[in-house]
């Protein structure tokens, strides 16, 4: 993750293009990403995770 973030920070390319450049066609990462990105599954999962963290933060504040 650190490497990907560093690459994105230092590049003028869009993150999606960088992903395409480093993902082997028909490889294992491509297969996993196809599942995660199908129907915005990854976006939904990340949104739900961030919301859960936000709610827990409010609870911990008391």
C-alpha atoms as a PDB file:
ATOM      1  CA  UNK A   1       0.000   0.000   0.000  1.00  0.00           C
ATOM      2  CA  UNK A   2       2.832   2.388   0.820  1.00  0.00           C
ATOM      3  CA  UNK A   3       4.432   1.792  -2.565  1.00  0.00           C
ATOM      4  CA  UNK A   4       1.148   2.416  -4.371  1.00  0.00           C
ATOM      5  CA  UNK A   5       0.551   5.613  -2.413  1.00  0.00           C
ATOM      6  CA  UNK A   6       4.074   6.840  -3.125  1.00  0.00           C
ATOM      7  CA  UNK A   7       3.690   6.102  -6.830  1.00  0.00           C
ATOM      8  CA  UNK A   8       0.358   7.946  -6.951  1.00  0.00           C
ATOM      9  CA  UNK A   9       1.780  10.931  -5.102  1.00  0.00           C
ATOM     10  CA  UNK A  10       4.769  11.271  -7.418  1.00  0.00           C
ATOM     11  CA  UNK A  11       2.951  10.673 -10.709  1.00  0.00           C
ATOM     12  CA  UNK A  12       0.785  12.877 -12.886  1.00  0.00           C
ATOM     13  CA  UNK A  13      -1.214   9.807 -13.988  1.00  0.00           C
ATOM     14  CA  UNK A  14      -4.663   9.050 -12.609  1.00  0.00           C
ATOM     15  CA  UNK A  15      -4.685   6.237  -9.988  1.00  0.00           C
ATOM     16  CA  UNK A  16      -6.719   3.989 -12.281  1.00  0.00           C
ATOM     17  CA  UNK A  17      -4.153   4.354 -15.048  1.00  0.00           C
ATOM     18  CA  UNK A  18      -1.309   3.576 -12.652  1.00  0.00           C
ATOM     19  CA  UNK A  19      -3.166   0.439 -11.560  1.00  0.00           C
ATOM     20  CA  UNK A  20      -3.568  -0.647 -15.176  1.00  0.00           C
ATOM     21  CA  UNK A  21       0.145  -0.075 -15.794  1.00  0.00           C
ATOM     22  CA  UNK A  22       1.269  -2.330 -12.936  1.00  0.00           C
ATOM     23  CA  UNK A  23      -1.412  -5.046 -13.117  1.00  0.00           C
ATOM     24  CA  UNK A  24      -0.608  -8.064 -15.288  1.00  0.00           C
ATOM     25  CA  UNK A  25      -3.439  -8.735 -17.750  1.00  0.00           C
ATOM     26  CA  UNK A  26      -5.377 -11.840 -16.686  1.00  0.00           C
ATOM     27  CA  UNK A  27      -3.181 -12.150 -13.580  1.00  0.00           C
ATOM     28  CA  UNK A  28      -4.166 -12.791  -9.983  1.00  0.00           C
ATOM     29  CA  UNK A  29      -4.403  -9.103  -9.059  1.00  0.00           C
ATOM     30  CA  UNK A  30      -6.548  -8.401 -12.112  1.00  0.00           C
ATOM     31  CA  UNK A  31      -8.901 -11.215 -11.096  1.00  0.00           C
ATOM     32  CA  UNK A  32      -9.205  -9.907  -7.539  1.00  0.00           C
ATOM     33  CA  UNK A  33      -9.742  -6.326  -8.687  1.00  0.00           C
ATOM     34  CA  UNK A  34     -12.447  -7.429 -11.113  1.00  0.00           C
ATOM     35  CA  UNK A  35     -14.417  -8.853  -8.184  1.00  0.00           C
ATOM     36  CA  UNK A  36     -13.820  -5.857  -5.916  1.00  0.00           C
ATOM     37  CA  UNK A  37     -14.706  -3.285  -8.556  1.00  0.00           C
ATOM     38  CA  UNK A  38     -17.769  -5.058  -9.948  1.00  0.00           C
ATOM     39  CA  UNK A  39     -20.842  -2.929  -9.293  1.00  0.00           C
ATOM     40  CA  UNK A  40     -18.925  -0.515  -7.033  1.00  0.00           C
ATOM     41  CA  UNK A  41     -18.403  -3.259  -4.433  1.00  0.00           C
ATOM     42  CA  UNK A  42     -15.088  -1.817  -3.291  1.00  0.00           C
ATOM     43  CA  UNK A  43     -16.453   1.731  -3.095  1.00  0.00           C
ATOM     44  CA  UNK A  44     -19.403   0.498  -1.042  1.00  0.00           C
ATOM     45  CA  UNK A  45     -17.169  -1.515   1.281  1.00  0.00           C
ATOM     46  CA  UNK A  46     -14.773   1.378   1.879  1.00  0.00           C
ATOM     47  CA  UNK A  47     -17.674   3.783   2.464  1.00  0.00           C
ATOM     48  CA  UNK A  48     -19.230   1.419   5.011  1.00  0.00           C
ATOM     49  CA  UNK A  49     -15.884   0.895   6.759  1.00  0.00           C
ATOM     50  CA  UNK A  50     -15.214   4.626   7.057  1.00  0.00           C
ATOM     51  CA  UNK A  51     -18.741   5.211   8.360  1.00  0.00           C
ATOM     52  CA  UNK A  52     -18.297   2.464  10.968  1.00  0.00           C
ATOM     53  CA  UNK A  53     -15.054   4.082  12.110  1.00  0.00           C
ATOM     54  CA  UNK A  54     -16.725   7.499  12.274  1.00  0.00           C
ATOM     55  CA  UNK A  55     -19.587   6.144  14.388  1.00  0.00           C
ATOM     56  CA  UNK A  56     -17.191   4.389  16.739  1.00  0.00           C
ATOM     57  CA  UNK A  57     -15.168   7.583  17.078  1.00  0.00           C
ATOM     58  CA  UNK A  58     -18.309   9.423  18.176  1.00  0.00           C
ATOM     59  CA  UNK A  59     -19.073   6.661  20.705  1.00  0.00           C
ATOM     60  CA  UNK A  60     -15.558   6.804  22.137  1.00  0.00           C
ATOM     61  CA  UNK A  61     -15.762  10.566  22.562  1.00  0.00           C
ATOM     62  CA  UNK A  62     -18.552   9.846  24.951  1.00  0.00           C
END
